[in-house]
Amino acid sequence: MSQPDALTADAILDASGLNCPEPVMMLHNKVRDLVAGGVLKVIATDPSTRRDIPKFCMFLGHELLDQQEQAGTYLYWIRKKTEG
């Protein structure tokens, strides 16, 4: 995993206060609008995102660059897969 402070996000999705399945549904829409290879930072408070977001990335071929937990907030950096 790279240093999160060094990761620059092209877009941010703040799903704080939302519960499953809303964060992943919002993530799906946000990733669709992101350019290929772009980085999305996700902020969530639902613990189920620890399971759901890595599965989402694996299933759809996106790269989970890093994930952190800070005082009940879950942070994810996702690189959208390049087309092809």
PDB file of N, CA and C in Angstrom:
ATOM      1  N   MET A   1       0.841  -1.184   0.000  1.00  0.00           N
ATOM      2  CA  MET A   1       0.000   0.000   0.000  1.00  0.00           C
ATOM      3  C   MET A   1       0.887   1.248   0.000  1.00  0.00           C
ATOM      4  N   SER A   2       0.448   2.240  -0.721  1.00  0.00           N
ATOM      5  CA  SER A   2       1.213   3.477  -0.781  1.00  0.00           C
ATOM      6  C   SER A   2       0.832   4.386   0.383  1.00  0.00           C
ATOM      7  N   GLN A   3       1.561   5.456   0.525  1.00  0.00           N
ATOM      8  CA  GLN A   3       1.266   6.412   1.585  1.00  0.00           C
ATOM      9  C   GLN A   3       0.017   7.202   1.199  1.00  0.00           C
ATOM     10  N   PRO A   4      -1.057   7.128   1.999  1.00  0.00           N
ATOM     11  CA  PRO A   4      -2.304   7.814   1.644  1.00  0.00           C
ATOM     12  C   PRO A   4      -2.131   9.318   1.488  1.00  0.00           C
ATOM     13  N   ASP A   5      -1.232   9.911   2.266  1.00  0.00           N
ATOM     14  CA  ASP A   5      -1.029  11.351   2.170  1.00  0.00           C
ATOM     15  C   ASP A   5      -0.505  11.737   0.787  1.00  0.00           C
ATOM     16  N   ALA A   6       0.146  10.796   0.135  1.00  0.00           N
ATOM     17  CA  ALA A   6       0.707  11.061  -1.184  1.00  0.00           C
ATOM     18  C   ALA A   6      -0.317  10.830  -2.293  1.00  0.00           C
ATOM     19  N   LEU A   7      -1.442  10.239  -1.962  1.00  0.00           N
ATOM     20  CA  LEU A   7      -2.462   9.961  -2.965  1.00  0.00           C
ATOM     21  C   LEU A   7      -3.324  11.199  -3.185  1.00  0.00           C
ATOM     22  N   THR A   8      -3.434  11.594  -4.430  1.00  0.00           N
ATOM     23  CA  THR A   8      -4.277  12.724  -4.777  1.00  0.00           C
ATOM     24  C   THR A   8      -5.558  12.180  -5.389  1.00  0.00           C
ATOM     25  N   ALA A   9      -6.676  12.570  -4.830  1.00  0.00           N
ATOM     26  CA  ALA A   9      -7.960  12.101  -5.336  1.00  0.00           C
ATOM     27  C   ALA A   9      -8.461  13.048  -6.415  1.00  0.00           C
ATOM     28  N   ASP A  10      -8.974  12.477  -7.501  1.00  0.00           N
ATOM     29  CA  ASP A  10      -9.596  13.276  -8.558  1.00  0.00           C
ATOM     30  C   ASP A  10     -11.026  13.645  -8.179  1.00  0.00           C
ATOM     31  N   ALA A  11     -11.622  12.847  -7.298  1.00  0.00           N
ATOM     32  CA  ALA A  11     -12.990  13.098  -6.836  1.00  0.00           C
ATOM     33  C   ALA A  11     -13.140  12.515  -5.440  1.00  0.00           C
ATOM     34  N   ILE A  12     -14.114  13.026  -4.697  1.00  0.00           N
ATOM     35  CA  ILE A  12     -14.381  12.546  -3.343  1.00  0.00           C
ATOM     36  C   ILE A  12     -15.854  12.186  -3.233  1.00  0.00           C
ATOM     37  N   LEU A  13     -16.113  11.029  -2.632  1.00  0.00           N
ATOM     38  CA  LEU A  13     -17.478  10.613  -2.325  1.00  0.00           C
ATOM     39  C   LEU A  13     -17.608  10.561  -0.821  1.00  0.00           C
ATOM     40  N   ASP A  14     -18.454  11.410  -0.267  1.00  0.00           N
ATOM     41  CA  ASP A  14     -18.696  11.418   1.174  1.00  0.00           C
ATOM     42  C   ASP A  14     -20.011  10.697   1.442  1.00  0.00           C
ATOM     43  N   ALA A  15     -19.894   9.450   1.919  1.00  0.00           N
ATOM     44  CA  ALA A  15     -21.066   8.632   2.218  1.00  0.00           C
ATOM     45  C   ALA A  15     -21.285   8.531   3.728  1.00  0.00           C
ATOM     46  N   SER A  16     -20.769   9.510   4.468  1.00  0.00           N
ATOM     47  CA  SER A  16     -20.906   9.507   5.927  1.00  0.00           C
ATOM     48  C   SER A  16     -22.381   9.494   6.321  1.00  0.00           C
ATOM     49  N   GLY A  17     -22.693   8.659   7.309  1.00  0.00           N
ATOM     50  CA  GLY A  17     -24.051   8.592   7.820  1.00  0.00           C
ATOM     51  C   GLY A  17     -24.974   7.679   7.035  1.00  0.00           C
ATOM     52  N   LEU A  18     -24.509   7.159   5.925  1.00  0.00           N
ATOM     53  CA  LEU A  18     -25.332   6.261   5.108  1.00  0.00           C
ATOM     54  C   LEU A  18     -25.001   4.817   5.429  1.00  0.00           C
ATOM     55  N   ASN A  19     -26.013   3.975   5.355  1.00  0.00           N
ATOM     56  CA  ASN A  19     -25.829   2.554   5.653  1.00  0.00           C
ATOM     57  C   ASN A  19     -26.007   1.721   4.398  1.00  0.00           C
ATOM     58  N   CYS A  20     -25.474   0.512   4.463  1.00  0.00           N
ATOM     59  CA  CYS A  20     -25.565  -0.458   3.378  1.00  0.00           C
ATOM     60  C   CYS A  20     -27.017  -0.550   2.898  1.00  0.00           C
ATOM     61  N   PRO A  21     -27.280  -0.543   1.601  1.00  0.00           N
ATOM     62  CA  PRO A  21     -26.336  -0.581   0.467  1.00  0.00           C
ATOM     63  C   PRO A  21     -26.015   0.788  -0.128  1.00  0.00           C
ATOM     64  N   GLU A  22     -26.461   1.865   0.505  1.00  0.00           N
ATOM     65  CA  GLU A  22     -26.318   3.190  -0.098  1.00  0.00           C
ATOM     66  C   GLU A  22     -24.876   3.583  -0.458  1.00  0.00           C
ATOM     67  N   PRO A  23     -23.874   3.388   0.427  1.00  0.00           N
ATOM     68  CA  PRO A  23     -22.516   3.800   0.040  1.00  0.00           C
ATOM     69  C   PRO A  23     -22.020   3.135  -1.244  1.00  0.00           C
ATOM     70  N   VAL A  24     -22.303   1.845  -1.399  1.00  0.00           N
ATOM     71  CA  VAL A  24     -21.824   1.132  -2.597  1.00  0.00           C
ATOM     72  C   VAL A  24     -22.619   1.556  -3.828  1.00  0.00           C
ATOM     73  N   MET A  25     -23.912   1.828  -3.663  1.00  0.00           N
ATOM     74  CA  MET A  25     -24.708   2.314  -4.795  1.00  0.00           C
ATOM     75  C   MET A  25     -24.181   3.676  -5.260  1.00  0.00           C
ATOM     76  N   MET A  26     -23.863   4.558  -4.302  1.00  0.00           N
ATOM     77  CA  MET A  26     -23.313   5.862  -4.641  1.00  0.00           C
ATOM     78  C   MET A  26     -21.925   5.714  -5.272  1.00  0.00           C
ATOM     79  N   LEU A  27     -21.136   4.779  -4.755  1.00  0.00           N
ATOM     80  CA  LEU A  27     -19.802   4.512  -5.283  1.00  0.00           C
ATOM     81  C   LEU A  27     -19.890   4.078  -6.745  1.00  0.00           C
ATOM     82  N   HIS A  28     -20.827   3.213  -7.029  1.00  0.00           N
ATOM     83  CA  HIS A  28     -21.009   2.708  -8.390  1.00  0.00           C
ATOM     84  C   HIS A  28     -21.263   3.869  -9.357  1.00  0.00           C
ATOM     85  N   ASN A  29     -22.137   4.788  -8.971  1.00  0.00           N
ATOM     86  CA  ASN A  29     -22.458   5.938  -9.820  1.00  0.00           C
ATOM     87  C   ASN A  29     -21.272   6.886  -9.957  1.00  0.00           C
ATOM     88  N   LYS A  30     -20.572   7.109  -8.873  1.00  0.00           N
ATOM     89  CA  LYS A  30     -19.443   8.053  -8.871  1.00  0.00           C
ATOM     90  C   LYS A  30     -18.289   7.515  -9.723  1.00  0.00           C
ATOM     91  N   VAL A  31     -18.010   6.221  -9.600  1.00  0.00           N
ATOM     92  CA  VAL A  31     -16.928   5.615 -10.386  1.00  0.00           C
ATOM     93  C   VAL A  31     -17.243   5.692 -11.876  1.00  0.00           C
ATOM     94  N   ARG A  32     -18.505   5.530 -12.224  1.00  0.00           N
ATOM     95  CA  ARG A  32     -18.924   5.583 -13.622  1.00  0.00           C
ATOM     96  C   ARG A  32     -18.563   6.937 -14.242  1.00  0.00           C
ATOM     97  N   ASP A  33     -18.660   8.011 -13.456  1.00  0.00           N
ATOM     98  CA  ASP A  33     -18.382   9.361 -13.962  1.00  0.00           C
ATOM     99  C   ASP A  33     -16.900   9.719 -13.952  1.00  0.00           C
ATOM    100  N   LEU A  34     -16.085   8.897 -13.305  1.00  0.00           N
ATOM    101  CA  LEU A  34     -14.653   9.164 -13.168  1.00  0.00           C
ATOM    102  C   LEU A  34     -13.920   8.761 -14.452  1.00  0.00           C
ATOM    103  N   VAL A  35     -12.876   9.497 -14.795  1.00  0.00           N
ATOM    104  CA  VAL A  35     -12.073   9.119 -15.964  1.00  0.00           C
ATOM    105  C   VAL A  35     -11.307   7.832 -15.659  1.00  0.00           C
ATOM    106  N   ALA A  36     -11.018   7.065 -16.694  1.00  0.00           N
ATOM    107  CA  ALA A  36     -10.255   5.835 -16.523  1.00  0.00           C
ATOM    108  C   ALA A  36      -8.903   6.158 -15.896  1.00  0.00           C
ATOM    109  N   GLY A  37      -8.536   5.419 -14.857  1.00  0.00           N
ATOM    110  CA  GLY A  37      -7.283   5.660 -14.157  1.00  0.00           C
ATOM    111  C   GLY A  37      -7.389   6.728 -13.077  1.00  0.00           C
ATOM    112  N   GLY A  38      -8.551   7.359 -12.964  1.00  0.00           N
ATOM    113  CA  GLY A  38      -8.763   8.387 -11.953  1.00  0.00           C
ATOM    114  C   GLY A  38      -8.873   7.783 -10.562  1.00  0.00           C
ATOM    115  N   VAL A  39      -8.577   8.591  -9.548  1.00  0.00           N
ATOM    116  CA  VAL A  39      -8.611   8.127  -8.164  1.00  0.00           C
ATOM    117  C   VAL A  39      -9.784   8.773  -7.436  1.00  0.00           C
ATOM    118  N   LEU A  40     -10.552   7.930  -6.764  1.00  0.00           N
ATOM    119  CA  LEU A  40     -11.701   8.374  -5.980  1.00  0.00           C
ATOM    120  C   LEU A  40     -11.423   8.104  -4.512  1.00  0.00           C
ATOM    121  N   LYS A  41     -11.613   9.117  -3.680  1.00  0.00           N
ATOM    122  CA  LYS A  41     -11.520   8.936  -2.233  1.00  0.00           C
ATOM    123  C   LYS A  41     -12.939   8.782  -1.705  1.00  0.00           C
ATOM    124  N   VAL A  42     -13.155   7.729  -0.929  1.00  0.00           N
ATOM    125  CA  VAL A  42     -14.471   7.473  -0.342  1.00  0.00           C
ATOM    126  C   VAL A  42     -14.369   7.644   1.171  1.00  0.00           C
ATOM    127  N   ILE A  43     -15.314   8.382   1.722  1.00  0.00           N
ATOM    128  CA  ILE A  43     -15.419   8.575   3.170  1.00  0.00           C
ATOM    129  C   ILE A  43     -16.730   7.939   3.601  1.00  0.00           C
ATOM    130  N   ALA A  44     -16.664   7.003   4.545  1.00  0.00           N
ATOM    131  CA  ALA A  44     -17.873   6.298   4.977  1.00  0.00           C
ATOM    132  C   ALA A  44     -17.832   6.076   6.482  1.00  0.00           C
ATOM    133  N   THR A  45     -19.003   5.865   7.055  1.00  0.00           N
ATOM    134  CA  THR A  45     -19.086   5.567   8.485  1.00  0.00           C
ATOM    135  C   THR A  45     -19.699   4.195   8.744  1.00  0.00           C
ATOM    136  N   ASP A  46     -20.168   3.531   7.702  1.00  0.00           N
ATOM    137  CA  ASP A  46     -20.787   2.207   7.844  1.00  0.00           C
ATOM    138  C   ASP A  46     -19.698   1.137   7.856  1.00  0.00           C
ATOM    139  N   PRO A  47     -19.578   0.375   8.975  1.00  0.00           N
ATOM    140  CA  PRO A  47     -18.541  -0.671   9.053  1.00  0.00           C
ATOM    141  C   PRO A  47     -18.639  -1.711   7.945  1.00  0.00           C
ATOM    142  N   SER A  48     -19.811  -1.924   7.383  1.00  0.00           N
ATOM    143  CA  SER A  48     -19.943  -2.942   6.329  1.00  0.00           C
ATOM    144  C   SER A  48     -19.171  -2.553   5.071  1.00  0.00           C
ATOM    145  N   THR A  49     -18.781  -1.278   4.946  1.00  0.00           N
ATOM    146  CA  THR A  49     -17.988  -0.886   3.778  1.00  0.00           C
ATOM    147  C   THR A  49     -16.621  -1.556   3.786  1.00  0.00           C
ATOM    148  N   ARG A  50     -16.147  -1.986   4.963  1.00  0.00           N
ATOM    149  CA  ARG A  50     -14.860  -2.697   5.035  1.00  0.00           C
ATOM    150  C   ARG A  50     -14.910  -3.987   4.234  1.00  0.00           C
ATOM    151  N   ARG A  51     -16.081  -4.569   4.138  1.00  0.00           N
ATOM    152  CA  ARG A  51     -16.276  -5.784   3.352  1.00  0.00           C
ATOM    153  C   ARG A  51     -16.745  -5.438   1.936  1.00  0.00           C
ATOM    154  N   ASP A  52     -17.680  -4.505   1.834  1.00  0.00           N
ATOM    155  CA  ASP A  52     -18.345  -4.237   0.558  1.00  0.00           C
ATOM    156  C   ASP A  52     -17.466  -3.531  -0.468  1.00  0.00           C
ATOM    157  N   ILE A  53     -16.677  -2.557  -0.025  1.00  0.00           N
ATOM    158  CA  ILE A  53     -15.884  -1.784  -0.992  1.00  0.00           C
ATOM    159  C   ILE A  53     -14.756  -2.622  -1.595  1.00  0.00           C
ATOM    160  N   PRO A  54     -13.996  -3.403  -0.800  1.00  0.00           N
ATOM    161  CA  PRO A  54     -13.002  -4.285  -1.443  1.00  0.00           C
ATOM    162  C   PRO A  54     -13.639  -5.281  -2.411  1.00  0.00           C
ATOM    163  N   LYS A  55     -14.810  -5.821  -2.066  1.00  0.00           N
ATOM    164  CA  LYS A  55     -15.500  -6.751  -2.970  1.00  0.00           C
ATOM    165  C   LYS A  55     -15.924  -6.041  -4.247  1.00  0.00           C
ATOM    166  N   PHE A  56     -16.437  -4.822  -4.099  1.00  0.00           N
ATOM    167  CA  PHE A  56     -16.842  -4.015  -5.251  1.00  0.00           C
ATOM    168  C   PHE A  56     -15.656  -3.844  -6.207  1.00  0.00           C
ATOM    169  N   CYS A  57     -14.499  -3.474  -5.660  1.00  0.00           N
ATOM    170  CA  CYS A  57     -13.310  -3.252  -6.481  1.00  0.00           C
ATOM    171  C   CYS A  57     -12.862  -4.531  -7.174  1.00  0.00           C
ATOM    172  N   MET A  58     -12.833  -5.619  -6.425  1.00  0.00           N
ATOM    173  CA  MET A  58     -12.386  -6.891  -6.981  1.00  0.00           C
ATOM    174  C   MET A  58     -13.337  -7.347  -8.096  1.00  0.00           C
ATOM    175  N   PHE A  59     -14.625  -7.230  -7.867  1.00  0.00           N
ATOM    176  CA  PHE A  59     -15.634  -7.700  -8.818  1.00  0.00           C
ATOM    177  C   PHE A  59     -15.586  -6.892 -10.115  1.00  0.00           C
ATOM    178  N   LEU A  60     -15.384  -5.575 -10.000  1.00  0.00           N
ATOM    179  CA  LEU A  60     -15.436  -4.714 -11.178  1.00  0.00           C
ATOM    180  C   LEU A  60     -14.056  -4.377 -11.749  1.00  0.00           C
ATOM    181  N   GLY A  61     -12.992  -4.846 -11.104  1.00  0.00           N
ATOM    182  CA  GLY A  61     -11.657  -4.670 -11.648  1.00  0.00           C
ATOM    183  C   GLY A  61     -10.990  -3.346 -11.317  1.00  0.00           C
ATOM    184  N   HIS A  62     -11.520  -2.617 -10.335  1.00  0.00           N
ATOM    185  CA  HIS A  62     -10.887  -1.375  -9.904  1.00  0.00           C
ATOM    186  C   HIS A  62      -9.815  -1.707  -8.862  1.00  0.00           C
ATOM    187  N   GLU A  63      -8.873  -0.802  -8.678  1.00  0.00           N
ATOM    188  CA  GLU A  63      -7.766  -1.044  -7.749  1.00  0.00           C
ATOM    189  C   GLU A  63      -8.012  -0.303  -6.438  1.00  0.00           C
ATOM    190  N   LEU A  64      -8.058  -1.053  -5.353  1.00  0.00           N
ATOM    191  CA  LEU A  64      -8.152  -0.455  -4.028  1.00  0.00           C
ATOM    192  C   LEU A  64      -6.733  -0.095  -3.608  1.00  0.00           C
ATOM    193  N   LEU A  65      -6.411   1.188  -3.681  1.00  0.00           N
ATOM    194  CA  LEU A  65      -5.044   1.639  -3.416  1.00  0.00           C
ATOM    195  C   LEU A  65      -4.721   1.609  -1.928  1.00  0.00           C
ATOM    196  N   ASP A  66      -5.697   1.992  -1.112  1.00  0.00           N
ATOM    197  CA  ASP A  66      -5.474   2.022   0.335  1.00  0.00           C
ATOM    198  C   ASP A  66      -6.815   2.113   1.040  1.00  0.00           C
ATOM    199  N   GLN A  67      -6.827   1.686   2.289  1.00  0.00           N
ATOM    200  CA  GLN A  67      -7.995   1.876   3.137  1.00  0.00           C
ATOM    201  C   GLN A  67      -7.517   2.094   4.561  1.00  0.00           C
ATOM    202  N   GLN A  68      -8.227   2.964   5.273  1.00  0.00           N
ATOM    203  CA  GLN A  68      -7.861   3.296   6.641  1.00  0.00           C
ATOM    204  C   GLN A  68      -9.118   3.427   7.483  1.00  0.00           C
ATOM    205  N   GLU A  69      -8.930   3.287   8.777  1.00  0.00           N
ATOM    206  CA  GLU A  69     -10.008   3.581   9.711  1.00  0.00           C
ATOM    207  C   GLU A  69      -9.489   4.628  10.680  1.00  0.00           C
ATOM    208  N   GLN A  70     -10.259   5.696  10.834  1.00  0.00           N
ATOM    209  CA  GLN A  70      -9.884   6.766  11.758  1.00  0.00           C
ATOM    210  C   GLN A  70     -11.106   7.131  12.594  1.00  0.00           C
ATOM    211  N   ALA A  71     -11.110   6.706  13.848  1.00  0.00           N
ATOM    212  CA  ALA A  71     -12.165   7.067  14.798  1.00  0.00           C
ATOM    213  C   ALA A  71     -13.569   6.822  14.250  1.00  0.00           C
ATOM    214  N   GLY A  72     -13.787   5.623  13.711  1.00  0.00           N
ATOM    215  CA  GLY A  72     -15.120   5.259  13.232  1.00  0.00           C
ATOM    216  C   GLY A  72     -15.441   5.747  11.834  1.00  0.00           C
ATOM    217  N   THR A  73     -14.479   6.368  11.193  1.00  0.00           N
ATOM    218  CA  THR A  73     -14.647   6.774   9.796  1.00  0.00           C
ATOM    219  C   THR A  73     -13.718   5.914   8.951  1.00  0.00           C
ATOM    220  N   TYR A  74     -14.262   5.431   7.843  1.00  0.00           N
ATOM    221  CA  TYR A  74     -13.516   4.542   6.955  1.00  0.00           C
ATOM    222  C   TYR A  74     -13.172   5.304   5.689  1.00  0.00           C
ATOM    223  N   LEU A  75     -11.897   5.262   5.320  1.00  0.00           N
ATOM    224  CA  LEU A  75     -11.400   5.981   4.154  1.00  0.00           C
ATOM    225  C   LEU A  75     -10.856   4.980   3.136  1.00  0.00           C
ATOM    226  N   TYR A  76     -11.197   5.206   1.877  1.00  0.00           N
ATOM    227  CA  TYR A  76     -10.764   4.318   0.795  1.00  0.00           C
ATOM    228  C   TYR A  76     -10.266   5.164  -0.371  1.00  0.00           C
ATOM    229  N   TRP A  77      -9.223   4.696  -1.022  1.00  0.00           N
ATOM    230  CA  TRP A  77      -8.731   5.308  -2.245  1.00  0.00           C
ATOM    231  C   TRP A  77      -8.823   4.247  -3.333  1.00  0.00           C
ATOM    232  N   ILE A  78      -9.604   4.542  -4.355  1.00  0.00           N
ATOM    233  CA  ILE A  78      -9.881   3.577  -5.434  1.00  0.00           C
ATOM    234  C   ILE A  78      -9.453   4.171  -6.763  1.00  0.00           C
ATOM    235  N   ARG A  79      -8.652   3.384  -7.510  1.00  0.00           N
ATOM    236  CA  ARG A  79      -8.284   3.809  -8.865  1.00  0.00           C
ATOM    237  C   ARG A  79      -9.195   3.079  -9.851  1.00  0.00           C
ATOM    238  N   LYS A  80      -9.888   3.854 -10.669  1.00  0.00           N
ATOM    239  CA  LYS A  80     -10.770   3.261 -11.672  1.00  0.00           C
ATOM    240  C   LYS A  80      -9.935   2.502 -12.693  1.00  0.00           C
ATOM    241  N   LYS A  81     -10.414   1.345 -13.074  1.00  0.00           N
ATOM    242  CA  LYS A  81      -9.681   0.551 -14.055  1.00  0.00           C
ATOM    243  C   LYS A  81      -9.605   1.312 -15.388  1.00  0.00           C
ATOM    244  N   THR A  82      -8.508   1.089 -16.091  1.00  0.00           N
ATOM    245  CA  THR A  82      -8.373   1.691 -17.399  1.00  0.00           C
ATOM    246  C   THR A  82      -9.151   0.828 -18.385  1.00  0.00           C
ATOM    247  N   GLU A  83      -9.742   1.463 -19.331  1.00  0.00           N
ATOM    248  CA  GLU A  83     -10.585   0.731 -20.286  1.00  0.00           C
ATOM    249  C   GLU A  83      -9.740  -0.227 -21.105  1.00  0.00           C
ATOM    250  N   GLY A  84     -10.358  -1.348 -21.473  1.00  0.00           N
ATOM    251  CA  GLY A  84      -9.649  -2.279 -22.343  1.00  0.00           C
ATOM    252  C   GLY A  84      -9.356  -3.582 -21.726  1.00  0.00           C
TER     253      GLY A  84
END
